[in-house]
Amino acid sequence: MNEITSAQNGKYRRWLSLLESKGIKKEGAALVSGEKLVQELIADSPDLIEEILLPPKAKAEATPFPTTLLASPLFRELDVIGTHSPLAVIKTKPIPEWEPGPPAGLELIVSLSDPSNLGALLRSAEAFGATRVILTKECASPYLPKALKAASNATFRVKLASTGSLKDLKIENAFGLDMEGEDLAQFTWPRDAHLILGEEGQGLPPTLNIKRLKIAMSGKIESLNATVAASIALFSYRA
């Protein structure tokens, strides 16, 4: 087992860059945190794992993967979620460019800049059977640590694609969540559809030529968290 104590170590500097989208894209790698998620990856996707990073005084278990023990301040810097458990350095797959065309099943087009919200959405997308999640230019990287943690490893199982800016999207016969739209409870979904989810607080650009659906609410709440709203719509489609 290797040990790294210097913040100037080349491998450590590479791992540190994986806390940002730019570094993830450049290195083709990401950091997964959380004991349960790391163990799931070891069991289900060992081909993705480059290295296991351990906190100070951790006992290394027998593993076929390279393992490195990090000094306390170095591990804390990488463990941005504060799990205090081993991290996995994983290989990431390039996200293919979306080729616009008719959807097959329910496909999501999302523009969420908050990585935790994006991760939670990917988790719901898998749970409710979305066939693909298309990430706009405004989206956070699905491979950021907080996105991976919130997704509970759904990131590696949901079909992903990428596209340009939401405001430039050219699409027909799509649907979006909007408080001024038709009541979702009264809506009958087509078998194949695109559901567009805008950034929380900003909503959908008025230039989009789409059918707008609302989730009726009571009380004084003006809007739902974007991921919660999308989950309700996904459940509505599946039901």
Protein backbone atom coordinates (compact mmCIF):
# COMPACT_ATOMS: atom_id res chain seq x y z
CA MET A 1 0.00 0.00 0.00
CA ASN A 2 1.27 3.43 -0.96
CA GLU A 3 1.18 6.50 1.29
CA ILE A 4 1.05 10.17 0.30
CA THR A 5 1.77 12.95 2.77
CA SER A 6 2.65 15.87 0.48
CA ALA A 7 0.10 18.14 -1.18
CA GLN A 8 2.60 18.60 -4.02
CA ASN A 9 2.49 14.94 -5.00
CA GLY A 10 1.55 14.61 -8.68
CA LYS A 11 -1.08 11.92 -8.17
CA TYR A 12 -2.67 13.89 -5.35
CA ARG A 13 -2.79 17.04 -7.49
CA ARG A 14 -4.58 15.04 -10.17
CA TRP A 15 -7.16 13.77 -7.69
CA LEU A 16 -7.66 17.29 -6.36
CA SER A 17 -8.54 18.46 -9.87
CA LEU A 18 -11.44 15.97 -9.88
CA LEU A 19 -13.36 18.26 -7.53
CA GLU A 20 -14.13 20.47 -10.54
CA SER A 21 -15.81 19.81 -13.87
CA LYS A 22 -12.76 20.97 -15.82
CA GLY A 23 -10.49 18.47 -14.11
CA ILE A 24 -12.99 15.64 -14.52
CA LYS A 25 -13.22 16.27 -18.25
CA LYS A 26 -9.44 16.62 -18.68
CA GLU A 27 -8.51 13.53 -16.67
CA GLY A 28 -11.41 11.29 -17.64
CA ALA A 29 -11.82 10.36 -14.00
CA ALA A 30 -13.93 11.14 -10.93
CA LEU A 31 -14.11 10.60 -7.17
CA VAL A 32 -16.81 8.48 -5.58
CA SER A 33 -17.39 8.89 -1.83
CA GLY A 34 -19.46 6.94 0.66
CA GLU A 35 -18.69 3.46 1.94
CA LYS A 36 -21.84 1.87 0.52
CA LEU A 37 -21.39 3.40 -2.95
CA VAL A 38 -17.71 2.44 -3.11
CA GLN A 39 -18.49 -1.14 -2.10
CA GLU A 40 -21.24 -1.32 -4.75
CA LEU A 41 -18.79 -0.18 -7.41
CA ILE A 42 -16.22 -2.74 -6.31
CA ALA A 43 -18.86 -5.47 -6.60
CA ASP A 44 -20.70 -4.32 -9.73
CA SER A 45 -18.26 -2.24 -11.80
CA PRO A 46 -14.68 -3.16 -10.86
CA ASP A 47 -13.51 -2.21 -14.36
CA LEU A 48 -14.22 1.45 -13.56
CA ILE A 49 -11.98 1.63 -10.51
CA GLU A 50 -8.48 3.07 -10.82
CA GLU A 51 -7.52 3.34 -7.17
CA ILE A 52 -8.90 3.27 -3.62
CA LEU A 53 -7.95 6.17 -1.32
CA LEU A 54 -7.93 5.57 2.42
CA PRO A 55 -8.14 8.00 5.35
CA PRO A 56 -5.36 8.02 7.96
CA LYS A 57 -5.03 4.93 10.16
CA ALA A 58 -7.45 2.99 7.97
CA LYS A 59 -6.83 -0.72 7.61
CA ALA A 60 -6.50 -1.77 4.00
CA GLU A 61 -8.52 -4.84 3.13
CA ALA A 62 -7.43 -7.30 0.48
CA THR A 63 -8.30 -5.78 -2.89
CA PRO A 64 -7.13 -6.14 -6.49
CA PHE A 65 -7.00 -2.35 -6.84
CA PRO A 66 -4.08 -0.03 -6.10
CA THR A 67 -4.60 1.45 -2.64
CA THR A 68 -3.17 4.67 -1.23
CA LEU A 69 -3.23 5.98 2.34
CA LEU A 70 -3.53 9.77 2.52
CA ALA A 71 -2.38 12.10 5.27
CA SER A 72 -5.27 13.61 7.23
CA PRO A 73 -5.36 17.09 5.64
CA LEU A 74 -5.05 15.60 2.14
CA PHE A 75 -7.90 13.17 2.66
CA ARG A 76 -10.14 15.88 4.15
CA GLU A 77 -9.53 18.03 1.07
CA LEU A 78 -10.77 15.26 -1.24
CA ASP A 79 -13.57 14.06 1.02
CA VAL A 80 -15.73 17.11 0.31
CA ILE A 81 -18.90 15.41 1.52
CA GLY A 82 -17.29 14.44 4.82
CA THR A 83 -17.95 10.69 4.69
CA HIS A 84 -14.64 9.84 6.45
CA SER A 85 -14.68 6.56 4.51
CA PRO A 86 -12.59 5.30 1.55
CA LEU A 87 -12.87 7.11 -1.76
CA ALA A 88 -12.74 5.45 -5.17
CA VAL A 89 -10.99 7.05 -8.13
CA ILE A 90 -12.95 5.89 -11.16
CA LYS A 91 -12.69 6.15 -14.93
CA THR A 92 -15.45 8.16 -16.57
CA LYS A 93 -16.94 7.54 -19.99
CA PRO A 94 -17.36 10.48 -22.40
CA ILE A 95 -20.99 11.58 -22.62
CA PRO A 96 -22.13 11.32 -26.25
CA GLU A 97 -23.65 14.27 -28.07
CA TRP A 98 -27.41 14.09 -28.42
CA GLU A 99 -28.72 13.73 -31.96
CA PRO A 100 -32.19 15.32 -31.90
CA GLY A 101 -34.95 13.03 -32.98
CA PRO A 102 -38.15 11.37 -31.79
CA PRO A 103 -37.97 10.10 -28.20
CA ALA A 104 -38.28 6.46 -27.23
CA GLY A 105 -40.14 6.26 -23.93
CA LEU A 106 -39.74 9.25 -21.60
CA GLU A 107 -36.50 11.15 -22.17
CA LEU A 108 -35.48 14.01 -19.88
CA ILE A 109 -33.73 17.18 -21.02
CA VAL A 110 -32.32 18.88 -17.92
CA SER A 111 -30.56 22.10 -17.08
CA LEU A 112 -29.60 21.79 -13.41
CA SER A 113 -26.44 23.56 -12.27
CA ASP A 114 -26.61 22.23 -8.71
CA PRO A 115 -24.75 18.89 -8.64
CA SER A 116 -26.80 17.51 -5.73
CA ASN A 117 -30.05 18.25 -7.56
CA LEU A 118 -28.71 16.67 -10.73
CA GLY A 119 -27.60 13.56 -8.88
CA ALA A 120 -30.97 13.21 -7.16
CA LEU A 121 -32.68 13.58 -10.55
CA LEU A 122 -30.57 10.77 -12.03
CA ARG A 123 -31.59 8.59 -9.11
CA SER A 124 -35.28 9.31 -9.79
CA ALA A 125 -34.75 8.82 -13.54
CA GLU A 126 -33.52 5.28 -12.93
CA ALA A 127 -36.20 4.55 -10.31
CA PHE A 128 -39.05 5.58 -12.61
CA GLY A 129 -37.69 4.20 -15.86
CA ALA A 130 -36.63 7.26 -17.87
CA THR A 131 -34.97 5.96 -21.01
CA ARG A 132 -32.39 8.74 -21.32
CA VAL A 133 -31.25 11.94 -19.58
CA ILE A 134 -29.95 14.69 -21.87
CA LEU A 135 -27.76 17.28 -20.14
CA THR A 136 -27.73 20.83 -21.48
CA LYS A 137 -24.68 23.09 -21.53
CA GLU A 138 -25.85 24.75 -18.29
CA CYS A 139 -25.89 21.44 -16.39
CA ALA A 140 -23.42 20.52 -13.69
CA SER A 141 -21.15 17.59 -14.45
CA PRO A 142 -22.84 14.34 -13.37
CA TYR A 143 -19.39 13.17 -12.24
CA LEU A 144 -18.87 15.81 -9.55
CA PRO A 145 -18.57 14.18 -6.09
CA LYS A 146 -21.86 15.62 -4.80
CA ALA A 147 -23.70 14.56 -7.96
CA LEU A 148 -22.34 11.02 -7.75
CA LYS A 149 -23.24 10.74 -4.06
CA ALA A 150 -26.81 12.02 -4.60
CA ALA A 151 -27.29 9.71 -7.59
CA SER A 152 -26.46 6.62 -5.52
CA ASN A 153 -24.53 5.18 -8.50
CA ALA A 154 -27.46 5.66 -10.91
CA THR A 155 -25.04 7.77 -12.99
CA PHE A 156 -23.41 4.57 -14.25
CA ARG A 157 -26.69 2.91 -15.18
CA VAL A 158 -28.79 5.69 -16.73
CA LYS A 159 -28.25 6.45 -20.41
CA LEU A 160 -26.78 9.97 -20.72
CA ALA A 161 -26.30 12.42 -23.58
CA SER A 162 -25.24 16.06 -23.83
CA THR A 163 -26.48 19.01 -25.86
CA GLY A 164 -26.10 22.79 -26.20
CA SER A 165 -27.76 25.60 -24.29
CA LEU A 166 -31.38 25.19 -23.21
CA LYS A 167 -32.40 28.50 -24.77
CA ASP A 168 -31.14 27.34 -28.16
CA LEU A 169 -33.00 24.03 -28.06
CA LYS A 170 -35.00 23.26 -31.19
CA ILE A 171 -37.57 20.63 -30.38
CA GLU A 172 -41.18 19.76 -31.16
CA ASN A 173 -43.88 17.93 -29.22
CA ALA A 174 -42.02 18.25 -25.93
CA PHE A 175 -43.34 18.95 -22.44
CA GLY A 176 -42.10 21.13 -19.60
CA LEU A 177 -43.03 21.86 -16.00
CA ASP A 178 -44.46 25.33 -15.54
CA MET A 179 -46.91 26.79 -13.00
CA GLU A 180 -48.95 28.29 -15.83
CA GLY A 181 -49.49 25.00 -17.65
CA GLU A 182 -52.14 22.29 -17.79
CA ASP A 183 -52.76 20.36 -14.57
CA LEU A 184 -50.48 17.32 -14.57
CA ALA A 185 -53.10 15.33 -12.64
CA GLN A 186 -55.49 15.64 -15.60
CA PHE A 187 -52.88 15.01 -18.28
CA THR A 188 -52.51 11.77 -20.26
CA TRP A 189 -48.93 11.13 -21.29
CA PRO A 190 -48.08 9.88 -24.76
CA ARG A 191 -45.98 6.73 -24.83
CA ASP A 192 -42.93 8.59 -26.18
CA ALA A 193 -42.10 12.08 -24.94
CA HIS A 194 -39.41 14.59 -24.05
CA LEU A 195 -39.77 16.25 -20.64
CA ILE A 196 -37.74 19.44 -20.25
CA LEU A 197 -36.63 20.55 -16.79
CA GLY A 198 -35.27 24.08 -16.41
CA GLU A 199 -33.02 25.50 -13.73
CA GLU A 200 -34.66 25.91 -10.35
CA GLY A 201 -35.82 29.50 -9.85
CA GLN A 202 -35.44 30.40 -13.52
CA GLY A 203 -37.90 28.02 -15.11
CA LEU A 204 -38.13 27.38 -18.83
CA PRO A 205 -37.21 29.96 -21.49
CA PRO A 206 -40.37 31.47 -23.05
CA THR A 207 -38.87 30.82 -26.50
CA LEU A 208 -39.36 27.07 -26.16
CA ASN A 209 -42.31 25.82 -28.19
CA ILE A 210 -43.53 23.16 -25.76
CA LYS A 211 -46.65 22.05 -23.91
CA ARG A 212 -46.43 23.23 -20.31
CA LEU A 213 -47.65 21.17 -17.36
CA LYS A 214 -48.16 22.30 -13.78
CA ILE A 215 -48.20 20.45 -10.49
CA ALA A 216 -51.13 21.81 -8.51
CA MET A 217 -50.24 22.70 -4.91
CA SER A 218 -52.01 23.94 -1.79
CA GLY A 219 -50.86 26.22 1.00
CA LYS A 220 -48.44 29.10 0.49
CA ILE A 221 -45.70 27.18 -1.32
CA GLU A 222 -44.99 28.86 -4.65
CA SER A 223 -42.81 26.17 -6.18
CA LEU A 224 -41.21 22.78 -5.60
CA ASN A 225 -37.58 21.79 -5.68
CA ALA A 226 -36.78 21.03 -9.32
CA THR A 227 -35.87 17.42 -8.62
CA VAL A 228 -39.01 16.84 -6.53
CA ALA A 229 -41.16 18.27 -9.33
CA ALA A 230 -39.42 16.11 -11.93
CA SER A 231 -39.87 13.02 -9.75
CA ILE A 232 -43.62 13.68 -9.51
CA ALA A 233 -43.80 14.02 -13.30
CA LEU A 234 -41.80 10.81 -13.77
CA PHE A 235 -44.13 8.94 -11.43
CA SER A 236 -47.14 10.40 -13.26
CA TYR A 237 -45.78 9.10 -16.58
CA ARG A 238 -45.07 5.66 -15.18
CA ALA A 239 -48.47 5.40 -13.47
